[in-house]
Amino acid sequence: MKKNILVTGASSGFGLLIANELHKQGFNVIGTSRKPERYASMFPFKMIALDLDSEQSIAGFPERLFREISQLDILINNAGFLVSGIAEEIPVELGRQQFETNFWGTIRVTNAVLPYFRKQKFGKIITLGSIVGLVSFPNAAYYAASKHALEGYFKSLRYELSEFNISVAMIEPSAFKTSIVDNSSSPVNEIADYNSLRGKIEKFTEELVKTAEDPIIVAKKVLQVVQAEKPTFRNIVGKGTSVLVNLQHFAYGVFEKNVLKQLNKYK
């Protein structure tokens, strides 16, 4: 039987590339979008409605999902957006919206699926994080914070779900050529004291976009994690990842093994 894979935010960016790659590899892919009817004839996979900012949409989501499939094997949390700008210039309400979508929306969707995974005693949860969920950069404070939050949440969830044969993994891409910057939300009221820094950030971002890699690399990395029997938690992908990140990865692997060893003492 083909494995059934759910990809949130599958209408553009990483989500669309991931969904297409998995479909091409023979998986049965179900994508989500706020308005799936727009894409009914555009994609080779099924699209269903899901709005991460709507509790009502998420509450009714399992029913919509299981009309299409009888079993879900893998959840890929991809949907989200970018708030960019100097931290002090960003209205707190916009920062809250960043968390509402990227963090709380992702958690609500995961919680909607978990009872089914626990009942069937298997499943895989793959979440698109970011390199800025490990090491932060200027002009992305709220985005980095939301990705750090996801990292911490799923680290804990990984322990809690291990006895149900449910694996948890993060994908942490560096800079890739996607539409996320073009589609980002930014503040309107600029503070003059930051003008010098802002100019430097703009030049840095322009150079970053020019030299960014093809995002298909991320889709290929997700495919590897999908196919892995026991995926590692942290899966960094893309050039420009620092020695610090790799050291963090190594240190966390040692830490995780030690925690599991301590937990296994208790029966």
Protein backbone atom coordinates (compact mmCIF):
# COMPACT_ATOMS: atom_id res chain seq x y z
CA MET A 1 0.00 0.00 0.00
CA LYS A 2 1.09 3.55 -0.71
CA LYS A 3 1.88 5.57 2.38
CA ASN A 4 -0.47 8.51 2.96
CA ILE A 5 1.35 11.80 3.64
CA LEU A 6 -0.21 15.09 4.70
CA VAL A 7 1.65 18.29 3.76
CA THR A 8 0.35 21.55 5.22
CA GLY A 9 0.77 24.73 3.20
CA ALA A 10 1.25 22.79 -0.03
CA SER A 11 0.16 25.47 -2.49
CA SER A 12 3.53 27.26 -2.76
CA GLY A 13 7.16 27.38 -1.63
CA PHE A 14 8.71 24.43 0.18
CA GLY A 15 5.30 22.82 0.69
CA LEU A 16 4.54 22.59 -3.02
CA LEU A 17 8.02 21.27 -3.84
CA ILE A 18 7.79 18.68 -1.06
CA ALA A 19 4.31 17.55 -2.08
CA ASN A 20 5.33 17.24 -5.74
CA GLU A 21 8.51 15.33 -4.90
CA LEU A 22 6.69 12.86 -2.65
CA HIS A 23 3.94 12.38 -5.24
CA LYS A 24 6.58 11.73 -7.89
CA GLN A 25 8.13 9.09 -5.62
CA GLY A 26 4.84 7.20 -5.46
CA PHE A 27 3.39 8.39 -2.14
CA ASN A 28 -0.28 9.34 -1.80
CA VAL A 29 -0.04 13.05 -0.94
CA ILE A 30 -2.76 15.23 0.55
CA GLY A 31 -1.94 18.93 0.62
CA THR A 32 -3.65 21.71 2.53
CA SER A 33 -4.46 25.32 1.69
CA ARG A 34 -6.81 27.97 3.01
CA LYS A 35 -8.57 27.95 -0.37
CA PRO A 36 -7.92 24.57 -2.00
CA GLU A 37 -10.52 25.18 -4.73
CA ARG A 38 -8.04 27.57 -6.37
CA TYR A 39 -5.69 24.66 -7.03
CA ALA A 40 -8.14 21.85 -7.83
CA SER A 41 -6.83 21.30 -11.36
CA MET A 42 -3.28 22.63 -10.90
CA PHE A 43 -1.61 19.92 -8.83
CA PRO A 44 -1.36 16.13 -9.25
CA PHE A 45 -2.26 15.56 -5.59
CA LYS A 46 -5.44 16.16 -3.58
CA MET A 47 -5.87 19.50 -1.77
CA ILE A 48 -8.16 20.03 1.23
CA ALA A 49 -9.04 23.11 3.30
CA LEU A 50 -7.07 24.06 6.40
CA ASP A 51 -6.48 27.47 8.00
CA LEU A 52 -3.87 27.39 10.78
CA ASP A 53 -5.25 30.62 12.24
CA SER A 54 -8.75 29.20 12.67
CA GLU A 55 -9.56 26.89 15.58
CA GLN A 56 -12.82 26.00 13.84
CA SER A 57 -10.98 24.98 10.66
CA ILE A 58 -8.54 22.83 12.61
CA ALA A 59 -11.30 21.24 14.71
CA GLY A 60 -13.11 20.07 11.56
CA PHE A 61 -9.92 19.07 9.79
CA PRO A 62 -9.69 15.38 10.81
CA GLU A 63 -13.16 14.75 9.41
CA ARG A 64 -12.20 16.35 6.07
CA LEU A 65 -8.90 14.44 6.01
CA PHE A 66 -10.34 11.01 6.75
CA ARG A 67 -12.97 11.42 4.06
CA GLU A 68 -10.05 11.18 1.64
CA ILE A 69 -7.97 8.47 3.34
CA SER A 70 -8.56 5.71 5.88
CA GLN A 71 -5.11 5.96 7.48
CA LEU A 72 -2.47 8.68 7.85
CA ASP A 73 1.18 7.60 7.92
CA ILE A 74 3.11 10.87 7.95
CA LEU A 75 2.35 14.48 8.89
CA ILE A 76 4.58 17.19 7.40
CA ASN A 77 4.10 20.55 9.15
CA ASN A 78 5.15 23.16 6.62
CA ALA A 79 2.59 26.00 6.65
CA GLY A 80 3.75 29.34 8.03
CA PHE A 81 4.94 32.81 7.10
CA LEU A 82 7.74 35.30 7.79
CA VAL A 83 7.62 38.54 9.75
CA SER A 84 10.77 40.47 8.87
CA GLY A 85 12.08 43.75 10.23
CA ILE A 86 13.94 45.33 13.11
CA ALA A 87 12.52 43.85 16.33
CA GLU A 88 11.64 47.18 18.00
CA GLU A 89 9.82 48.36 14.88
CA ILE A 90 7.53 45.35 14.65
CA PRO A 91 4.12 45.85 16.33
CA VAL A 92 3.61 43.30 19.08
CA GLU A 93 0.31 42.27 17.48
CA LEU A 94 2.17 41.27 14.32
CA GLY A 95 4.62 39.32 16.47
CA ARG A 96 1.69 37.56 18.13
CA GLN A 97 0.30 36.68 14.71
CA GLN A 98 3.68 35.17 13.80
CA PHE A 99 3.39 32.83 16.77
CA GLU A 100 -0.33 32.18 16.23
CA THR A 101 0.39 30.78 12.77
CA ASN A 102 3.90 29.35 12.92
CA PHE A 103 3.79 27.92 16.44
CA TRP A 104 0.24 27.55 17.74
CA GLY A 105 -1.23 26.65 14.35
CA THR A 106 1.38 23.92 13.90
CA ILE A 107 0.75 22.58 17.41
CA ARG A 108 -3.04 22.52 16.90
CA VAL A 109 -2.70 20.56 13.65
CA THR A 110 -0.29 18.12 15.30
CA ASN A 111 -2.67 17.63 18.22
CA ALA A 112 -5.54 17.01 15.80
CA VAL A 113 -3.62 14.12 14.25
CA LEU A 114 -1.99 12.60 17.34
CA PRO A 115 -5.03 10.59 18.59
CA TYR A 116 -5.05 8.71 15.26
CA PHE A 117 -1.30 8.06 15.39
CA ARG A 118 -1.53 6.81 18.98
CA LYS A 119 -4.46 4.53 18.15
CA GLN A 120 -2.67 2.92 15.21
CA LYS A 121 0.63 2.78 17.18
CA PHE A 122 2.76 4.34 14.45
CA GLY A 123 3.31 7.57 12.58
CA LYS A 124 5.88 10.16 11.67
CA ILE A 125 5.80 13.91 12.30
CA ILE A 126 8.17 16.04 10.23
CA THR A 127 8.20 19.79 10.88
CA LEU A 128 9.81 22.49 8.74
CA GLY A 129 11.84 24.64 11.09
CA SER A 130 14.70 26.89 10.02
CA ILE A 131 18.38 27.48 10.64
CA VAL A 132 17.20 30.58 12.54
CA GLY A 133 15.47 28.20 14.94
CA LEU A 134 18.99 27.30 16.07
CA VAL A 135 21.02 30.47 15.55
CA SER A 136 19.31 33.86 15.16
CA PHE A 137 20.06 36.67 12.71
CA PRO A 138 19.02 40.34 12.67
CA ASN A 139 15.77 41.39 10.99
CA ALA A 140 13.95 38.17 11.88
CA ALA A 141 13.46 38.23 15.65
CA TYR A 142 9.85 37.02 15.79
CA TYR A 143 10.33 34.48 13.01
CA ALA A 144 13.44 33.11 14.74
CA ALA A 145 11.60 33.02 18.06
CA SER A 146 8.69 31.06 16.54
CA LYS A 147 11.12 28.55 15.04
CA HIS A 148 13.07 28.26 18.31
CA ALA A 149 9.73 27.56 20.01
CA LEU A 150 8.91 24.77 17.54
CA GLU A 151 12.35 23.26 18.09
CA GLY A 152 11.85 23.14 21.85
CA TYR A 153 8.30 21.83 21.64
CA PHE A 154 9.07 18.96 19.30
CA LYS A 155 12.18 18.00 21.27
CA SER A 156 9.87 17.29 24.21
CA LEU A 157 7.21 15.64 22.06
CA ARG A 158 9.82 13.26 20.64
CA TYR A 159 10.31 11.72 24.09
CA GLU A 160 6.61 11.51 24.84
CA LEU A 161 5.67 9.73 21.62
CA SER A 162 8.52 7.22 21.41
CA GLU A 163 6.57 4.46 23.21
CA PHE A 164 3.80 4.73 20.58
CA ASN A 165 6.24 4.14 17.69
CA ILE A 166 5.70 7.75 16.52
CA SER A 167 8.88 9.44 15.35
CA VAL A 168 9.44 13.21 15.40
CA ALA A 169 11.91 15.08 13.19
CA MET A 170 12.77 18.67 12.29
CA ILE A 171 14.03 19.96 8.93
CA GLU A 172 16.18 23.10 9.34
CA PRO A 173 16.89 24.79 5.99
CA SER A 174 19.28 27.69 5.54
CA ALA A 175 18.64 30.28 2.78
CA PHE A 176 16.94 29.00 -0.38
CA LYS A 177 15.31 30.64 -3.40
CA THR A 178 11.66 30.71 -2.32
CA SER A 179 8.93 33.34 -2.18
CA ILE A 180 9.00 33.60 1.63
CA VAL A 181 10.80 36.97 1.67
CA ASP A 182 8.53 38.42 -1.05
CA ASN A 183 5.46 37.25 0.87
CA SER A 184 6.71 38.40 4.28
CA SER A 185 4.97 40.91 6.55
CA SER A 186 7.07 43.92 7.58
CA PRO A 187 6.50 46.95 9.85
CA VAL A 188 5.51 50.32 8.42
CA ASN A 189 6.92 52.69 11.08
CA GLU A 190 10.70 52.79 10.80
CA ILE A 191 12.92 54.17 13.60
CA ALA A 192 15.65 56.46 12.25
CA ASP A 193 18.26 55.19 14.71
CA TYR A 194 18.23 51.87 12.85
CA ASN A 195 18.71 53.33 9.34
CA SER A 196 22.40 52.44 9.15
CA LEU A 197 21.77 48.86 10.25
CA ARG A 198 18.76 48.62 7.95
CA GLY A 199 20.90 49.51 4.94
CA LYS A 200 23.43 46.83 5.85
CA ILE A 201 20.69 44.25 6.30
CA GLU A 202 19.15 45.10 2.92
CA LYS A 203 22.50 44.60 1.15
CA PHE A 204 23.11 41.37 3.08
CA THR A 205 19.63 40.07 2.16
CA GLU A 206 20.10 40.94 -1.53
CA GLU A 207 23.36 39.01 -1.59
CA LEU A 208 21.80 36.10 0.31
CA VAL A 209 18.93 35.84 -2.20
CA LYS A 210 21.36 35.97 -5.15
CA THR A 211 23.52 33.14 -3.85
CA ALA A 212 20.70 31.02 -2.35
CA GLU A 213 20.39 27.41 -3.45
CA ASP A 214 17.61 25.65 -5.34
CA PRO A 215 14.89 24.73 -2.78
CA ILE A 216 14.44 21.30 -4.38
CA ILE A 217 17.33 20.31 -2.09
CA VAL A 218 14.98 20.73 0.87
CA ALA A 219 12.34 18.53 -0.76
CA LYS A 220 15.01 15.85 -1.29
CA LYS A 221 16.02 16.08 2.38
CA VAL A 222 12.39 15.66 3.44
CA LEU A 223 12.17 12.59 1.19
CA GLN A 224 15.19 11.09 2.98
CA VAL A 225 13.54 11.63 6.36
CA VAL A 226 10.26 10.16 5.06
CA GLN A 227 12.11 7.05 3.91
CA ALA A 228 14.24 6.69 7.07
CA GLU A 229 13.08 3.97 9.45
CA LYS A 230 14.36 5.92 12.48
CA PRO A 231 15.04 9.53 11.44
CA THR A 232 17.31 11.76 13.49
CA PHE A 233 15.55 14.66 15.21
CA ARG A 234 17.56 17.47 13.64
CA ASN A 235 18.11 17.54 9.87
CA ILE A 236 20.06 20.60 8.72
CA VAL A 237 20.06 21.32 5.00
CA GLY A 238 21.79 23.95 2.85
CA LYS A 239 25.08 25.78 2.67
CA GLY A 240 26.15 28.35 5.21
CA THR A 241 25.45 26.25 8.30
CA SER A 242 28.06 27.17 10.87
CA VAL A 243 30.34 24.99 12.97
CA LEU A 244 28.28 26.15 15.94
CA VAL A 245 25.13 24.56 14.55
CA ASN A 246 26.92 21.28 13.91
CA LEU A 247 28.31 21.33 17.45
CA GLN A 248 24.81 21.96 18.78
CA HIS A 249 23.59 19.00 16.74
CA PHE A 250 26.28 16.71 18.14
CA ALA A 251 25.81 17.90 21.72
CA TYR A 252 22.04 17.47 21.57
CA GLY A 253 22.42 13.93 20.22
CA VAL A 254 24.55 13.02 23.24
CA PHE A 255 22.10 14.76 25.58
CA GLU A 256 19.09 12.99 24.07
CA LYS A 257 20.70 9.56 24.42
CA ASN A 258 21.45 10.30 28.07
CA VAL A 259 17.87 11.41 28.80
CA LEU A 260 16.46 8.27 27.15
CA LYS A 261 18.90 6.14 29.14
CA GLN A 262 17.68 7.74 32.38
CA LEU A 263 14.01 7.33 31.40
CA ASN A 264 14.51 3.67 30.55
CA LYS A 265 15.45 3.02 34.19
CA TYR A 266 11.78 3.47 35.08
CA LYS A 267 9.37 0.71 34.12
